[in-house]
Amino acid sequence: MTTATSPPSPDAPSKQLSRLLAVLGRIERLGNKLPHPFWLFGVLSVILALVSWLLSATGASALNPATGKTVGVHSLVSGEGLRMMISDAVTNYATFPPLGTILVVMLGVAVADRSGLLPAMLRAAVARVPARWLTFTLAFTAMVAHVASDAAYVVLVPLGAMAFRAVGRSPMLGAVVAFVSVSAGYDASPLVTPTDAILAGLTTAAAHTVDPSYVVNPLSNYFFSVASSVVLAVVVTVVTEKVIARRVAAMPEEPEPEDAPEAAGTEAGGLTLRPEERRGLRNAGLALLAYAALVVAAMAPAGSPLRGEGGSIVESPVLTGIAVVLAVAFLIVGAVYGRTVGTVTTGRDIPDQMAKGLREMAPILVLFFAISQFLAYFKWTGVGEVLAIRGAGLLKSAGITGPVAFLGVLLVCTVINLLVTSGSAQWALVSPVFVPMFMLLDIPPEVTQAVYRIADSCTNAATPMSAYFVMTLGVVQRYRRSAGIGTLLSLTLPLCLVMLAAWTLLFYAWWALGIPLGPGVPVR
């Protein structure tokens, strides 16, 4: 007589996944011990002070091949260092490159968001889409949604679940597609986003270690970002339909909770747009076309003041001052939409919406203070420059070329991203070393930044350290009570790994073919 044993549940993780979950569990516990990024940069400043004192005492120095001058290390633990930290604190913050750019851009984005334009655009993008195109449409919409920064998670993840449910597919699958597309593809978009402005500002600050006149603008990776958004949307679609959908279908059936959200409706957050919202989107689109036509017409004359020296378009005020151009564009379309639907009724509503949008920026502004001081100290001590020169020398003597160096940055930053999920905080941490080091290897800062985009994005959806991972799990549990961290990881991890591989291959192909990364930005 044999004893019947129940077959393993399809939801039960395999041995490989169990090991991976154990590793992620350890990473989570380690990451939870890290302080808030604000205090993290405070701790790093203290460590920098001790390192600068030790290196200064030992006479550490390096010959800068770009200037021919010997660079030494200055100690923060000195009277001169103390005076600098106190007297330059306000200047360090006020002149921090990303600060002004992101504030200006967000003035316009806040109006577009608060008027209801951005949420309506996202809803319109996935409404009434044929079922066979829904996965790609949702994935690509997420790439566009990066213009709304973290608001994209809040709007699109529950919206993706409702969209899939509306066509008879698993809402859990829709939530995963939306989450992974927003998160693992965070630094790819067909539009210029606030993240582009932040990364460009941090890269500029890091490049000043070697060349004080170097400027990286928010459009520096635009061509690569557009192509990446399309490729990643295709990857998400293929992996979802070939692997993830089958994984979800194999899960044991479970009755949907009675309080699960409806598939569609006219209520806030539903897929159906009200007539005034459709009119608002149409009017906003016409306003955007008119604004773009006006800018193009103003730049058309050869002697236009909106052109750069010698009639250059690449070095024109429109591109170098793209933050202002974008802010005005968002403001115009947001105001037109708001006026149509009634969320903007008087002129006072617009500055009120700007103020509310900037209030949401407060956590970033607080973090920027700590980052700006750390980067100023890093530059003043000369530690970063000495490390970059020595590191570049080691790479050259070892015969390590661009492709191998790129892989090193990818691996290091991908691992760090599991713990430090803030893209700006991580780039502020590593850019002062990687950007100057690669510049001394004749690799432009824009190329290093493009490599970082990949490492900063793909593992976002595979770490419980992300607040939006937890938020997505909450959305998934509204449709499947038994879902846990392991359930969500088993659905996001395959997508993250394939996206990392595909995006890396895209970059290497881009670099090998010598395609410009952005307007006037050669890849090598």
Protein backbone atom coordinates (compact mmCIF):
# COMPACT_ATOMS: atom_id res chain seq x y z
CA MET A 1 0.00 0.00 0.00
CA THR A 2 1.44 3.31 -1.03
CA THR A 3 0.84 6.57 0.65
CA ALA A 4 -0.56 9.27 -1.59
CA THR A 5 1.41 12.46 -1.59
CA SER A 6 0.16 15.74 -2.90
CA PRO A 7 2.03 17.15 -5.86
CA PRO A 8 4.11 20.22 -5.18
CA SER A 9 2.18 23.44 -5.55
CA PRO A 10 2.99 25.31 -8.77
CA ASP A 11 3.50 28.35 -6.55
CA ALA A 12 6.17 26.54 -4.52
CA PRO A 13 9.59 27.98 -5.37
CA SER A 14 12.20 25.74 -6.97
CA LYS A 15 15.49 25.01 -5.20
CA GLN A 16 17.22 27.65 -7.30
CA LEU A 17 14.56 30.22 -6.50
CA SER A 18 14.68 29.27 -2.81
CA ARG A 19 18.42 29.95 -2.78
CA LEU A 20 17.86 33.25 -4.57
CA LEU A 21 15.15 34.24 -2.08
CA ALA A 22 17.53 33.41 0.77
CA VAL A 23 20.18 35.68 -0.77
CA LEU A 24 17.62 38.45 -1.30
CA GLY A 25 16.49 38.00 2.28
CA ARG A 26 20.03 38.58 3.51
CA ILE A 27 20.36 41.58 1.21
CA GLU A 28 17.09 42.95 2.59
CA ARG A 29 18.25 42.54 6.18
CA LEU A 30 21.58 44.19 5.37
CA GLY A 31 19.90 47.01 3.47
CA ASN A 32 17.48 47.66 6.31
CA LYS A 33 20.46 48.41 8.53
CA LEU A 34 21.56 51.23 6.26
CA PRO A 35 20.57 54.71 7.47
CA HIS A 36 18.35 57.10 5.49
CA PRO A 37 20.30 58.39 2.43
CA PHE A 38 20.56 61.81 4.11
CA TRP A 39 22.44 60.31 7.07
CA LEU A 40 24.28 57.92 4.78
CA PHE A 41 25.96 60.86 3.05
CA GLY A 42 26.65 62.38 6.47
CA VAL A 43 28.44 59.17 7.49
CA LEU A 44 30.30 59.13 4.17
CA SER A 45 31.44 62.71 4.81
CA VAL A 46 32.92 61.65 8.14
CA ILE A 47 34.66 58.71 6.48
CA LEU A 48 35.94 61.06 3.75
CA ALA A 49 37.36 63.37 6.42
CA LEU A 50 39.32 60.49 7.98
CA VAL A 51 40.51 59.17 4.60
CA SER A 52 41.59 62.65 3.46
CA TRP A 53 43.52 63.15 6.71
CA LEU A 54 45.30 59.80 6.32
CA LEU A 55 46.13 60.30 2.61
CA SER A 56 47.29 63.86 3.23
CA ALA A 57 49.52 62.73 6.07
CA THR A 58 51.12 60.08 3.85
CA GLY A 59 51.62 62.54 0.99
CA ALA A 60 49.36 60.77 -1.52
CA SER A 61 49.39 62.44 -4.93
CA ALA A 62 49.06 61.77 -8.65
CA LEU A 63 50.06 63.43 -11.92
CA ASN A 64 47.03 64.66 -13.83
CA PRO A 65 47.74 63.85 -17.52
CA ALA A 66 45.09 66.35 -18.62
CA THR A 67 46.82 69.35 -16.99
CA GLY A 68 50.35 68.05 -16.39
CA LYS A 69 50.09 69.12 -12.74
CA THR A 70 50.62 67.01 -9.64
CA VAL A 71 47.44 66.67 -7.58
CA GLY A 72 47.67 66.17 -3.81
CA VAL A 73 45.09 65.41 -1.13
CA HIS A 74 43.86 68.14 1.24
CA SER A 75 42.68 67.11 4.69
CA LEU A 76 39.21 68.04 5.88
CA VAL A 77 40.55 67.59 9.41
CA SER A 78 42.34 70.93 9.35
CA GLY A 79 41.62 74.60 9.95
CA GLU A 80 41.35 75.21 6.21
CA GLY A 81 38.97 72.28 5.81
CA LEU A 82 36.76 73.45 8.67
CA ARG A 83 36.58 76.96 7.23
CA MET A 84 35.60 75.58 3.83
CA MET A 85 32.83 73.37 5.24
CA ILE A 86 31.24 76.27 7.12
CA SER A 87 31.77 79.19 4.72
CA ASP A 88 30.89 77.28 1.51
CA ALA A 89 27.87 75.30 2.77
CA VAL A 90 25.26 77.65 1.29
CA THR A 91 27.17 78.06 -1.97
CA ASN A 92 27.63 74.30 -2.29
CA TYR A 93 23.86 73.82 -2.08
CA ALA A 94 22.78 76.81 -4.17
CA THR A 95 25.17 75.98 -7.03
CA PHE A 96 24.50 72.23 -6.98
CA PRO A 97 23.91 71.52 -10.74
CA PRO A 98 20.76 69.34 -10.49
CA LEU A 99 19.01 71.67 -8.03
CA GLY A 100 17.98 74.51 -10.32
CA THR A 101 17.29 72.23 -13.28
CA ILE A 102 14.94 69.88 -11.45
CA LEU A 103 13.11 72.72 -9.71
CA VAL A 104 12.45 74.51 -13.00
CA VAL A 105 11.28 71.34 -14.77
CA MET A 106 9.03 70.38 -11.86
CA LEU A 107 7.27 73.76 -11.95
CA GLY A 108 5.79 72.74 -15.28
CA VAL A 109 5.37 69.03 -14.49
CA ALA A 110 3.45 69.94 -11.32
CA VAL A 111 0.82 71.82 -13.36
CA ALA A 112 0.49 68.92 -15.83
CA ASP A 113 0.12 66.46 -12.95
CA ARG A 114 -2.13 68.48 -10.65
CA SER A 115 -4.45 69.48 -13.48
CA GLY A 116 -5.05 65.77 -14.12
CA LEU A 117 -3.35 65.70 -17.53
CA LEU A 118 -0.69 63.07 -16.79
CA PRO A 119 -3.08 60.56 -15.13
CA ALA A 120 -5.57 61.05 -17.98
CA MET A 121 -2.82 60.46 -20.58
CA LEU A 122 -1.86 57.19 -18.92
CA ARG A 123 -5.45 56.02 -18.72
CA ALA A 124 -6.09 56.96 -22.34
CA ALA A 125 -3.00 55.05 -23.45
CA VAL A 126 -4.30 51.69 -22.19
CA ALA A 127 -8.05 52.17 -22.63
CA ARG A 128 -9.75 50.31 -25.52
CA VAL A 129 -6.53 48.62 -26.60
CA PRO A 130 -7.04 45.21 -28.31
CA ALA A 131 -6.10 42.37 -25.96
CA ARG A 132 -3.25 41.15 -28.18
CA TRP A 133 -1.53 44.55 -27.98
CA LEU A 134 -2.26 45.30 -24.33
CA THR A 135 1.03 44.00 -22.89
CA PHE A 136 3.20 46.02 -25.26
CA THR A 137 0.97 49.09 -24.94
CA LEU A 138 1.12 48.96 -21.14
CA ALA A 139 4.90 48.41 -21.17
CA PHE A 140 5.56 51.29 -23.57
CA THR A 141 3.11 53.54 -21.73
CA ALA A 142 5.20 52.90 -18.62
CA MET A 143 8.27 54.14 -20.51
CA VAL A 144 6.39 57.34 -21.37
CA ALA A 145 5.13 57.58 -17.78
CA HIS A 146 8.68 58.10 -16.51
CA VAL A 147 8.07 61.78 -17.22
CA ALA A 148 5.83 61.70 -14.12
CA SER A 149 8.72 60.32 -12.00
CA ASP A 150 7.55 58.25 -9.01
CA ALA A 151 3.92 59.20 -9.67
CA ALA A 152 4.07 56.69 -12.53
CA TYR A 153 4.04 53.83 -10.00
CA VAL A 154 1.04 55.16 -8.13
CA VAL A 155 -1.03 55.65 -11.29
CA LEU A 156 0.08 52.86 -13.61
CA VAL A 157 0.43 49.76 -11.39
CA PRO A 158 -3.24 49.63 -10.28
CA LEU A 159 -4.26 50.84 -13.75
CA GLY A 160 -2.39 47.95 -15.38
CA ALA A 161 -4.20 45.47 -13.15
CA MET A 162 -7.58 46.93 -14.10
CA ALA A 163 -6.71 47.01 -17.81
CA PHE A 164 -5.78 43.31 -17.87
CA ARG A 165 -8.87 42.39 -15.88
CA ALA A 166 -11.02 44.33 -18.35
CA VAL A 167 -9.92 42.04 -21.22
CA GLY A 168 -10.30 38.85 -19.20
CA ARG A 169 -6.65 38.37 -18.24
CA SER A 170 -5.04 38.10 -14.81
CA PRO A 171 -4.98 41.51 -13.09
CA MET A 172 -1.92 40.30 -11.18
CA LEU A 173 -0.11 39.94 -14.51
CA GLY A 174 -1.09 43.50 -15.49
CA ALA A 175 0.24 44.89 -12.22
CA VAL A 176 3.55 43.06 -12.71
CA VAL A 177 3.95 44.29 -16.31
CA ALA A 178 3.29 47.88 -15.24
CA PHE A 179 5.60 47.68 -12.21
CA VAL A 180 8.53 46.07 -14.02
CA SER A 181 8.21 48.43 -17.00
CA VAL A 182 8.20 51.51 -14.78
CA SER A 183 10.83 50.22 -12.36
CA ALA A 184 13.31 48.08 -14.32
CA GLY A 185 13.10 50.47 -17.27
CA TYR A 186 13.18 53.62 -15.12
CA ASP A 187 15.99 55.40 -16.98
CA ALA A 188 14.57 54.80 -20.47
CA SER A 189 11.88 56.98 -22.02
CA PRO A 190 10.88 58.46 -25.39
CA LEU A 191 10.45 61.77 -23.54
CA VAL A 192 12.91 63.93 -21.61
CA THR A 193 12.21 63.29 -17.92
CA PRO A 194 13.15 64.92 -14.59
CA THR A 195 15.58 62.02 -14.05
CA ASP A 196 17.50 63.12 -17.17
CA ALA A 197 17.97 66.53 -15.58
CA ILE A 198 19.16 65.09 -12.26
CA LEU A 199 21.63 62.64 -13.83
CA ALA A 200 22.99 65.30 -16.19
CA GLY A 201 23.60 67.67 -13.29
CA LEU A 202 25.41 65.05 -11.22
CA THR A 203 27.49 63.96 -14.22
CA THR A 204 28.43 67.58 -14.90
CA ALA A 205 29.57 68.00 -11.29
CA ALA A 206 31.68 64.84 -11.52
CA ALA A 207 33.20 65.85 -14.88
CA HIS A 208 34.40 69.15 -13.38
CA THR A 209 37.07 67.19 -11.53
CA VAL A 210 38.90 66.84 -14.87
CA ASP A 211 37.40 69.67 -16.94
CA PRO A 212 35.71 72.56 -15.04
CA SER A 213 34.05 73.78 -18.24
CA TYR A 214 32.41 70.48 -19.18
CA VAL A 215 28.59 70.51 -19.30
CA VAL A 216 26.30 67.48 -19.71
CA ASN A 217 22.78 68.46 -20.74
CA PRO A 218 19.53 66.51 -20.14
CA LEU A 219 19.40 65.50 -23.83
CA SER A 220 22.85 63.88 -23.77
CA ASN A 221 21.44 60.30 -23.78
CA TYR A 222 18.18 61.05 -25.58
CA PHE A 223 18.67 58.91 -28.73
CA PHE A 224 19.83 55.94 -26.66
CA SER A 225 16.96 56.42 -24.21
CA VAL A 226 14.33 56.44 -26.96
CA ALA A 227 15.70 53.25 -28.54
CA SER A 228 16.00 51.64 -25.10
CA SER A 229 12.35 52.35 -24.29
CA VAL A 230 11.18 50.53 -27.44
CA VAL A 231 13.55 47.57 -26.99
CA LEU A 232 12.63 47.14 -23.33
CA ALA A 233 8.90 47.31 -24.08
CA VAL A 234 9.38 44.52 -26.64
CA VAL A 235 11.44 42.46 -24.15
CA VAL A 236 8.78 42.86 -21.45
CA THR A 237 6.10 41.79 -23.93
CA VAL A 238 7.94 38.67 -25.15
CA VAL A 239 9.05 37.46 -21.70
CA THR A 240 5.60 38.15 -20.23
CA GLU A 241 3.74 36.21 -22.91
CA LYS A 242 6.25 33.34 -23.15
CA VAL A 243 7.15 32.89 -19.48
CA ILE A 244 5.35 35.04 -16.92
CA ALA A 245 1.81 34.50 -18.26
CA ARG A 246 2.37 30.74 -18.12
CA ARG A 247 3.73 31.03 -14.59
CA VAL A 248 0.61 32.92 -13.50
CA ALA A 249 -1.67 30.43 -15.28
CA ALA A 250 0.03 27.54 -13.47
CA MET A 251 -0.68 29.01 -10.05
CA PRO A 252 -3.45 27.25 -8.07
CA GLU A 253 -6.84 28.81 -8.64
CA GLU A 254 -7.92 31.14 -5.88
CA PRO A 255 -11.22 33.01 -5.59
CA GLU A 256 -10.79 36.71 -6.20
CA PRO A 257 -11.39 38.81 -3.07
CA GLU A 258 -14.83 40.42 -2.93
CA ASP A 259 -13.28 43.86 -2.51
CA ALA A 260 -11.11 43.58 -5.64
CA PRO A 261 -11.27 46.80 -7.73
CA GLU A 262 -13.63 46.91 -10.69
CA ALA A 263 -12.18 46.45 -14.15
CA ALA A 264 -13.30 49.81 -15.46
CA GLY A 265 -15.58 52.70 -14.74
CA THR A 266 -16.00 56.41 -14.82
CA GLU A 267 -14.84 56.86 -11.25
CA ALA A 268 -11.42 58.35 -10.51
CA GLY A 269 -8.79 55.79 -11.42
CA GLY A 270 -11.08 53.90 -13.82
CA LEU A 271 -10.10 53.32 -17.43
CA THR A 272 -12.98 55.20 -19.06
CA LEU A 273 -12.35 58.86 -19.84
CA ARG A 274 -15.14 61.36 -19.36
CA PRO A 275 -16.09 63.49 -22.40
CA GLU A 276 -14.46 66.59 -20.90
CA GLU A 277 -11.25 64.62 -20.28
CA ARG A 278 -11.13 63.55 -23.92
CA ARG A 279 -11.64 67.18 -24.97
CA GLY A 280 -8.93 68.21 -22.53
CA LEU A 281 -6.44 65.76 -24.03
CA ARG A 282 -7.28 66.92 -27.54
CA ASN A 283 -6.87 70.59 -26.62
CA ALA A 284 -3.64 69.89 -24.75
CA GLY A 285 -2.28 68.03 -27.80
CA LEU A 286 -3.13 70.96 -30.07
CA ALA A 287 -1.50 73.38 -27.63
CA LEU A 288 1.67 71.26 -27.58
CA LEU A 289 1.81 71.20 -31.39
CA ALA A 290 1.37 74.98 -31.50
CA TYR A 291 4.12 75.49 -28.92
CA ALA A 292 6.52 73.17 -30.78
CA ALA A 293 5.76 74.94 -34.07
CA LEU A 294 6.45 78.30 -32.45
CA VAL A 295 9.83 77.13 -31.10
CA VAL A 296 10.82 75.66 -34.48
CA ALA A 297 9.74 78.83 -36.30
CA ALA A 298 11.73 80.98 -33.88
CA MET A 299 14.85 78.84 -34.48
CA ALA A 300 14.45 78.69 -38.27
CA PRO A 301 16.21 81.96 -39.26
CA ALA A 302 19.98 81.54 -39.54
CA GLY A 303 20.54 84.59 -37.35
CA SER A 304 17.98 83.61 -34.72
CA PRO A 305 18.97 84.42 -31.11
CA LEU A 306 17.75 80.90 -30.28
CA ARG A 307 20.66 79.42 -32.24
CA GLY A 308 24.13 78.89 -30.91
CA GLU A 309 27.43 80.30 -32.11
CA GLY A 310 27.74 80.02 -35.88
CA GLY A 311 24.05 79.12 -36.22
CA SER A 312 24.50 75.86 -34.28
CA ILE A 313 21.35 74.06 -33.18
CA VAL A 314 23.11 71.60 -30.87
CA GLU A 315 24.62 74.44 -28.83
CA SER A 316 21.50 76.61 -29.03
CA PRO A 317 19.80 78.10 -25.95
CA VAL A 318 16.86 75.77 -26.66
CA LEU A 319 18.98 72.68 -25.98
CA THR A 320 21.33 74.10 -23.35
CA GLY A 321 18.30 75.57 -21.59
CA ILE A 322 16.05 72.57 -22.24
CA ALA A 323 14.81 72.67 -18.63
CA VAL A 324 13.03 75.96 -19.27
CA VAL A 325 11.65 74.80 -22.63
CA LEU A 326 10.26 71.63 -21.03
CA ALA A 327 8.83 73.48 -18.04
CA VAL A 328 6.94 75.90 -20.30
CA ALA A 329 5.66 73.00 -22.43
CA PHE A 330 4.30 71.12 -19.40
CA LEU A 331 2.83 74.31 -18.00
CA ILE A 332 1.00 75.16 -21.24
CA VAL A 333 -0.48 71.71 -21.84
CA GLY A 334 -1.37 71.31 -18.15
CA ALA A 335 -3.09 74.70 -18.05
CA VAL A 336 -5.01 74.03 -21.28
CA TYR A 337 -6.16 70.62 -20.04
CA GLY A 338 -7.08 72.00 -16.63
CA ARG A 339 -9.05 74.83 -18.17
CA THR A 340 -11.00 72.34 -20.28
CA VAL A 341 -11.88 69.93 -17.47
CA GLY A 342 -12.29 72.55 -14.74
CA THR A 343 -9.24 71.87 -12.58
CA VAL A 344 -7.82 75.26 -13.59
CA THR A 345 -10.44 78.00 -13.30
CA THR A 346 -8.42 81.10 -12.43
CA GLY A 347 -4.87 82.28 -12.93
CA ARG A 348 -4.20 81.66 -9.25
CA ASP A 349 -4.71 77.91 -9.67
CA ILE A 350 -1.50 77.54 -11.71
CA PRO A 351 0.98 78.92 -9.13
CA ASP A 352 -0.96 77.01 -6.43
CA GLN A 353 -0.43 73.77 -8.38
CA MET A 354 3.25 74.65 -8.84
CA ALA A 355 3.61 75.15 -5.09
CA LYS A 356 1.91 71.83 -4.32
CA GLY A 357 4.19 70.07 -6.80
CA LEU A 358 7.31 71.60 -5.24
CA ARG A 359 6.13 70.56 -1.78
CA GLU A 360 6.25 66.98 -3.01
CA MET A 361 9.88 67.64 -3.99
CA ALA A 362 10.82 68.43 -0.36
CA PRO A 363 12.37 64.99 0.38
CA ILE A 364 14.60 65.30 -2.71
CA LEU A 365 15.61 68.86 -1.79
CA VAL A 366 16.58 67.71 1.69
CA LEU A 367 18.63 64.85 0.23
CA PHE A 368 20.26 67.23 -2.26
CA PHE A 369 21.64 69.29 0.64
CA ALA A 370 23.53 66.29 2.04
CA ILE A 371 24.68 65.17 -1.42
CA SER A 372 25.86 68.65 -2.44
CA GLN A 373 28.01 69.00 0.69
CA PHE A 374 29.56 65.53 0.25
CA LEU A 375 30.40 66.17 -3.41
CA ALA A 376 31.89 69.57 -2.57
CA TYR A 377 34.07 67.97 0.11
CA PHE A 378 35.06 65.18 -2.27
CA LYS A 379 36.17 67.70 -4.88
CA TRP A 380 37.96 69.99 -2.42
CA THR A 381 40.00 67.20 -0.82
CA GLY A 382 41.21 65.92 -4.20
CA VAL A 383 40.57 62.31 -3.09
CA GLY A 384 38.32 61.66 -6.06
CA GLU A 385 40.81 63.09 -8.54
CA VAL A 386 43.70 61.05 -7.13
CA LEU A 387 41.59 57.87 -7.12
CA ALA A 388 40.42 58.54 -10.68
CA ILE A 389 43.97 59.15 -11.97
CA ARG A 390 45.40 56.12 -10.17
CA GLY A 391 42.45 53.97 -11.27
CA ALA A 392 42.77 55.08 -14.88
CA GLY A 393 46.49 54.32 -14.74
CA LEU A 394 45.84 50.81 -13.46
CA LEU A 395 43.26 50.17 -16.18
CA LYS A 396 45.66 51.38 -18.87
CA SER A 397 48.57 49.33 -17.55
CA ALA A 398 46.32 46.26 -17.39
CA GLY A 399 45.23 46.85 -20.98
CA ILE A 400 41.57 47.11 -19.96
CA THR A 401 39.59 48.73 -22.77
CA GLY A 402 36.22 50.45 -22.89
CA PRO A 403 34.00 47.36 -23.23
CA VAL A 404 35.58 45.60 -20.24
CA ALA A 405 35.48 48.79 -18.16
CA PHE A 406 31.79 49.25 -19.01
CA LEU A 407 31.06 45.75 -17.74
CA GLY A 408 32.79 46.56 -14.46
CA VAL A 409 30.62 49.64 -13.91
CA LEU A 410 27.52 47.62 -14.79
CA LEU A 411 28.32 44.89 -12.26
CA VAL A 412 29.29 47.25 -9.43
CA CYS A 413 26.31 49.58 -9.83
CA THR A 414 23.84 46.73 -10.35
CA VAL A 415 24.83 45.22 -6.99
CA ILE A 416 24.77 48.62 -5.24
CA ASN A 417 21.30 49.24 -6.70
CA LEU A 418 19.90 46.34 -4.68
CA LEU A 419 20.68 48.32 -1.52
CA VAL A 420 20.62 51.98 -2.59
CA THR A 421 17.43 52.18 -4.64
CA SER A 422 17.59 55.96 -5.09
CA GLY A 423 19.12 56.52 -8.53
CA SER A 424 20.31 60.06 -7.75
CA ALA A 425 21.86 58.99 -4.43
CA GLN A 426 23.72 56.09 -6.05
CA TRP A 427 25.00 58.19 -8.96
CA ALA A 428 26.10 60.91 -6.53
CA LEU A 429 28.07 58.21 -4.72
CA VAL A 430 29.85 56.59 -7.69
CA SER A 431 30.00 59.28 -10.39
CA PRO A 432 32.82 61.30 -8.73
CA VAL A 433 35.10 58.28 -9.28
CA PHE A 434 33.81 56.61 -12.46
CA VAL A 435 33.21 59.75 -14.56
CA PRO A 436 36.70 61.32 -14.11
CA MET A 437 38.39 57.90 -14.35
CA PHE A 438 36.74 57.18 -17.68
CA MET A 439 37.40 60.71 -18.95
CA LEU A 440 41.11 60.02 -18.44
CA LEU A 441 40.60 56.92 -20.60
CA ASP A 442 39.05 59.17 -23.30
CA ILE A 443 35.53 57.91 -22.55
CA PRO A 444 33.06 60.84 -22.49
CA PRO A 445 30.97 61.40 -19.33
CA GLU A 446 27.78 60.91 -21.36
CA VAL A 447 28.87 57.34 -22.17
CA THR A 448 29.52 56.52 -18.51
CA GLN A 449 26.12 57.96 -17.67
CA ALA A 450 24.45 55.78 -20.34
CA VAL A 451 26.05 52.66 -18.82
CA TYR A 452 24.87 53.73 -15.38
CA ARG A 453 21.28 54.05 -16.63
CA ILE A 454 21.20 50.30 -17.26
CA ALA A 455 22.66 49.35 -13.87
CA ASP A 456 20.42 51.82 -12.03
CA SER A 457 17.20 50.44 -13.54
CA CYS A 458 17.03 46.71 -14.11
CA THR A 459 17.26 45.41 -10.53
CA ASN A 460 14.79 47.99 -9.17
CA ALA A 461 11.95 45.48 -9.57
CA ALA A 462 13.86 42.64 -7.88
CA THR A 463 14.64 44.15 -4.50
CA PRO A 464 12.29 44.35 -1.50
CA MET A 465 14.30 47.43 -0.51
CA SER A 466 12.17 49.41 -2.97
CA ALA A 467 9.09 51.02 -1.44
CA TYR A 468 7.29 50.50 -4.75
CA PHE A 469 8.02 46.77 -4.63
CA VAL A 470 6.02 46.69 -1.41
CA MET A 471 3.33 48.92 -2.95
CA THR A 472 3.01 46.58 -5.94
CA LEU A 473 2.76 43.58 -3.65
CA GLY A 474 -0.16 45.31 -1.98
CA VAL A 475 -1.88 45.79 -5.35
CA VAL A 476 -1.27 42.13 -6.27
CA GLN A 477 -2.71 40.97 -2.95
CA ARG A 478 -5.95 42.82 -3.73
CA TYR A 479 -6.50 40.15 -6.40
CA ARG A 480 -4.65 37.21 -4.82
CA ARG A 481 -4.63 37.09 -1.04
CA SER A 482 -1.92 34.43 -0.76
CA ALA A 483 0.67 36.36 -2.78
CA GLY A 484 3.87 37.16 -0.91
CA ILE A 485 7.33 38.53 -1.58
CA GLY A 486 8.40 35.22 -3.13
CA THR A 487 5.38 35.24 -5.44
CA LEU A 488 6.16 38.72 -6.74
CA LEU A 489 9.89 38.02 -7.04
CA SER A 490 9.20 34.86 -9.04
CA LEU A 491 7.31 37.04 -11.55
CA THR A 492 9.64 40.05 -11.68
CA LEU A 493 13.05 38.37 -11.57
CA PRO A 494 12.95 36.72 -15.03
CA LEU A 495 11.89 40.03 -16.56
CA CYS A 496 14.65 41.94 -14.74
CA LEU A 497 17.41 39.54 -15.81
CA VAL A 498 16.36 39.44 -19.47
CA MET A 499 15.97 43.23 -19.52
CA LEU A 500 19.47 43.62 -18.05
CA ALA A 501 20.96 41.32 -20.69
CA ALA A 502 19.05 42.87 -23.61
CA TRP A 503 19.77 46.46 -22.55
CA THR A 504 23.46 45.70 -22.07
CA LEU A 505 23.66 44.12 -25.54
CA LEU A 506 21.88 47.16 -26.98
CA PHE A 507 24.47 49.46 -25.44
CA TYR A 508 27.41 47.42 -26.74
CA ALA A 509 25.87 47.34 -30.23
CA TRP A 510 25.26 51.11 -30.01
CA TRP A 511 28.86 51.70 -28.95
CA ALA A 512 30.29 49.37 -31.61
CA LEU A 513 28.28 51.08 -34.37
CA GLY A 514 29.28 54.54 -33.13
CA ILE A 515 25.71 55.88 -33.01
CA PRO A 516 25.43 59.26 -31.19
CA LEU A 517 23.89 59.02 -27.73
CA GLY A 518 22.07 62.32 -28.13
CA PRO A 519 22.13 65.54 -30.17
CA GLY A 520 25.80 66.33 -30.79
CA VAL A 521 26.97 63.65 -28.33
CA PRO A 522 29.23 61.02 -29.93
CA VAL A 523 29.43 57.66 -28.21
CA ARG A 524 33.21 57.47 -28.79
